């Protein structure tokens, strides 16, 4: 049973860490990743919410949440 928990933890660590945030500026949506660093929440810019990189990050976060 303990080995299975290790496999889940390893799979979770392989996926993107952080919470995706969409921010609307004008008529466009942008994606940021919110992560906790040194006790504070930092937002890291990813790009336009509909570009390929943003879609991969959202898919990775959703996969991590399934675990």
N, C-alpha and C. Protein backbone atom coordinates (compact mmCIF):
# COMPACT_ATOMS: atom_id res chain seq x y z
N UNK A 1 0.83 -1.19 0.00
CA UNK A 1 0.00 0.00 0.00
C UNK A 1 0.87 1.25 0.00
N UNK A 2 1.98 1.22 0.71
CA UNK A 2 2.84 2.38 0.80
C UNK A 2 3.48 2.72 -0.55
N UNK A 3 3.82 1.69 -1.36
CA UNK A 3 4.40 1.92 -2.68
C UNK A 3 3.44 2.66 -3.58
N UNK A 4 2.17 2.35 -3.50
CA UNK A 4 1.18 3.01 -4.34
C UNK A 4 1.11 4.50 -4.01
N UNK A 5 1.18 4.85 -2.74
CA UNK A 5 1.17 6.26 -2.35
C UNK A 5 2.37 6.99 -2.93
N UNK A 6 3.51 6.34 -2.96
CA UNK A 6 4.71 6.94 -3.54
C UNK A 6 4.56 7.18 -5.02
N UNK A 7 3.89 6.26 -5.70
CA UNK A 7 3.68 6.41 -7.14
C UNK A 7 2.76 7.60 -7.42
N UNK A 8 1.72 7.75 -6.60
CA UNK A 8 0.83 8.90 -6.77
C UNK A 8 1.56 10.21 -6.51
N UNK A 9 2.37 10.24 -5.46
CA UNK A 9 3.11 11.46 -5.14
C UNK A 9 4.08 11.82 -6.25
N UNK A 10 4.74 10.81 -6.83
CA UNK A 10 5.67 11.06 -7.93
C UNK A 10 4.91 11.58 -9.16
N UNK A 11 3.75 11.02 -9.44
CA UNK A 11 2.95 11.47 -10.58
C UNK A 11 2.48 12.91 -10.38
N UNK A 12 2.11 13.25 -9.16
CA UNK A 12 1.66 14.61 -8.86
C UNK A 12 2.81 15.60 -9.05
N UNK A 13 4.00 15.24 -8.61
CA UNK A 13 5.14 16.14 -8.73
C UNK A 13 5.57 16.37 -10.18
N UNK A 14 5.27 15.41 -11.07
CA UNK A 14 5.62 15.56 -12.48
C UNK A 14 4.74 16.59 -13.18
N UNK A 15 3.54 16.79 -12.68
CA UNK A 15 2.60 17.72 -13.31
C UNK A 15 2.89 19.16 -12.87
N UNK A 16 2.31 20.10 -13.59
CA UNK A 16 2.49 21.52 -13.31
C UNK A 16 1.93 21.87 -11.95
N UNK A 17 2.72 22.58 -11.16
CA UNK A 17 2.31 23.01 -9.84
C UNK A 17 1.74 24.43 -9.92
N UNK A 18 0.70 24.68 -9.17
CA UNK A 18 0.10 26.00 -9.14
C UNK A 18 -1.36 25.94 -9.52
N UNK A 19 -2.02 27.06 -9.36
CA UNK A 19 -3.43 27.17 -9.69
C UNK A 19 -3.59 28.14 -10.85
N UNK A 20 -4.24 27.73 -11.93
CA UNK A 20 -4.40 28.64 -13.06
C UNK A 20 -5.40 29.75 -12.76
N UNK A 21 -5.06 30.96 -13.17
CA UNK A 21 -5.94 32.13 -13.01
C UNK A 21 -6.07 32.80 -14.36
N UNK A 22 -7.31 33.04 -14.75
CA UNK A 22 -7.55 33.81 -15.97
C UNK A 22 -7.84 35.25 -15.57
N UNK A 23 -7.14 36.16 -16.21
CA UNK A 23 -7.38 37.58 -15.97
C UNK A 23 -7.77 38.22 -17.29
N UNK A 24 -8.83 38.99 -17.23
CA UNK A 24 -9.32 39.65 -18.44
C UNK A 24 -8.80 41.07 -18.47
N UNK A 25 -8.14 41.41 -19.55
CA UNK A 25 -7.63 42.76 -19.77
C UNK A 25 -8.23 43.23 -21.09
N UNK A 26 -9.11 44.20 -21.00
CA UNK A 26 -9.83 44.62 -22.20
C UNK A 26 -10.78 43.50 -22.62
N UNK A 27 -10.61 43.03 -23.83
CA UNK A 27 -11.45 41.93 -24.33
C UNK A 27 -10.69 40.62 -24.40
N UNK A 28 -9.45 40.61 -23.94
CA UNK A 28 -8.62 39.39 -24.03
C UNK A 28 -8.43 38.76 -22.67
N UNK A 29 -8.30 37.42 -22.65
CA UNK A 29 -8.03 36.66 -21.43
C UNK A 29 -6.57 36.23 -21.43
N UNK A 30 -5.95 36.35 -20.27
CA UNK A 30 -4.56 35.93 -20.09
C UNK A 30 -4.51 34.91 -18.96
N UNK A 31 -3.56 33.99 -19.05
CA UNK A 31 -3.42 32.95 -18.05
C UNK A 31 -2.20 33.21 -17.19
N UNK A 32 -2.39 33.08 -15.88
CA UNK A 32 -1.32 33.19 -14.90
C UNK A 32 -1.37 31.94 -14.04
N UNK A 33 -0.23 31.53 -13.48
CA UNK A 33 -0.18 30.44 -12.51
C UNK A 33 0.10 31.06 -11.14
N UNK A 34 -0.77 30.77 -10.20
CA UNK A 34 -0.60 31.26 -8.83
C UNK A 34 0.14 30.18 -8.05
N UNK A 35 1.26 30.55 -7.45
CA UNK A 35 2.05 29.62 -6.65
C UNK A 35 2.45 30.30 -5.34
N UNK A 36 2.60 29.51 -4.31
CA UNK A 36 3.02 30.04 -3.02
C UNK A 36 4.55 29.95 -2.94
N UNK A 37 5.18 31.10 -2.68
CA UNK A 37 6.63 31.17 -2.52
C UNK A 37 6.94 32.00 -1.28
N UNK A 38 7.67 31.43 -0.36
CA UNK A 38 8.07 32.12 0.87
C UNK A 38 6.87 32.68 1.62
N UNK A 39 5.79 31.92 1.65
CA UNK A 39 4.60 32.33 2.39
C UNK A 39 3.72 33.34 1.67
N UNK A 40 4.07 33.72 0.46
CA UNK A 40 3.27 34.67 -0.31
C UNK A 40 2.83 34.03 -1.61
N UNK A 41 1.72 34.49 -2.14
CA UNK A 41 1.23 33.98 -3.42
C UNK A 41 1.81 34.85 -4.52
N UNK A 42 2.47 34.21 -5.48
CA UNK A 42 3.07 34.89 -6.62
C UNK A 42 2.36 34.44 -7.88
N UNK A 43 2.13 35.36 -8.79
CA UNK A 43 1.49 35.06 -10.06
C UNK A 43 2.55 35.08 -11.16
N UNK A 44 2.61 33.99 -11.93
CA UNK A 44 3.57 33.86 -13.02
C UNK A 44 2.80 33.89 -14.35
N UNK A 45 3.18 34.81 -15.21
CA UNK A 45 2.50 34.98 -16.49
C UNK A 45 2.79 33.81 -17.41
N UNK A 46 1.74 33.26 -18.04
CA UNK A 46 1.89 32.16 -18.98
C UNK A 46 1.72 32.66 -20.40
N UNK A 47 0.66 33.42 -20.66
CA UNK A 47 0.39 33.94 -22.00
C UNK A 47 -1.10 34.06 -22.23
N UNK A 48 -1.46 34.24 -23.49
CA UNK A 48 -2.89 34.31 -23.83
C UNK A 48 -3.57 33.01 -23.40
N UNK A 49 -4.78 33.10 -22.90
CA UNK A 49 -5.48 31.95 -22.35
C UNK A 49 -5.82 30.90 -23.40
N UNK A 50 -5.82 31.28 -24.67
CA UNK A 50 -6.21 30.32 -25.71
C UNK A 50 -5.01 29.80 -26.52
N UNK A 51 -3.77 30.11 -26.10
CA UNK A 51 -2.63 29.58 -26.86
C UNK A 51 -2.31 28.15 -26.43
N UNK A 52 -1.44 27.49 -27.17
CA UNK A 52 -1.14 26.07 -26.95
C UNK A 52 -0.48 25.82 -25.59
N UNK A 53 0.44 26.69 -25.19
CA UNK A 53 1.13 26.52 -23.91
C UNK A 53 0.14 26.59 -22.75
N UNK A 54 -0.79 27.52 -22.80
CA UNK A 54 -1.79 27.66 -21.73
C UNK A 54 -2.68 26.42 -21.67
N UNK A 55 -3.05 25.89 -22.81
CA UNK A 55 -3.89 24.69 -22.84
C UNK A 55 -3.17 23.49 -22.23
N UNK A 56 -1.86 23.35 -22.50
CA UNK A 56 -1.08 22.26 -21.92
C UNK A 56 -0.99 22.39 -20.40
N UNK A 57 -0.80 23.61 -19.92
CA UNK A 57 -0.71 23.84 -18.48
C UNK A 57 -2.02 23.52 -17.79
N UNK A 58 -3.12 23.95 -18.37
CA UNK A 58 -4.44 23.66 -17.78
C UNK A 58 -4.69 22.16 -17.77
N UNK A 59 -4.34 21.46 -18.84
CA UNK A 59 -4.51 20.01 -18.89
C UNK A 59 -3.66 19.32 -17.81
N UNK A 60 -2.43 19.79 -17.63
CA UNK A 60 -1.54 19.21 -16.62
C UNK A 60 -2.08 19.42 -15.21
N UNK A 61 -2.59 20.62 -14.94
CA UNK A 61 -3.15 20.92 -13.61
C UNK A 61 -4.38 20.06 -13.37
N UNK A 62 -5.23 19.90 -14.37
CA UNK A 62 -6.42 19.07 -14.22
C UNK A 62 -6.05 17.60 -13.97
N UNK A 63 -5.00 17.14 -14.65
CA UNK A 63 -4.54 15.76 -14.45
C UNK A 63 -4.01 15.58 -13.03
N UNK A 64 -3.26 16.59 -12.54
CA UNK A 64 -2.74 16.54 -11.16
C UNK A 64 -3.88 16.49 -10.16
N UNK A 65 -4.93 17.24 -10.42
CA UNK A 65 -6.07 17.26 -9.51
C UNK A 65 -6.81 15.92 -9.49
N UNK A 66 -6.77 15.17 -10.58
CA UNK A 66 -7.40 13.85 -10.62
C UNK A 66 -6.69 12.87 -9.68
N UNK A 67 -5.36 13.01 -9.57
CA UNK A 67 -4.60 12.12 -8.69
C UNK A 67 -4.98 12.39 -7.25
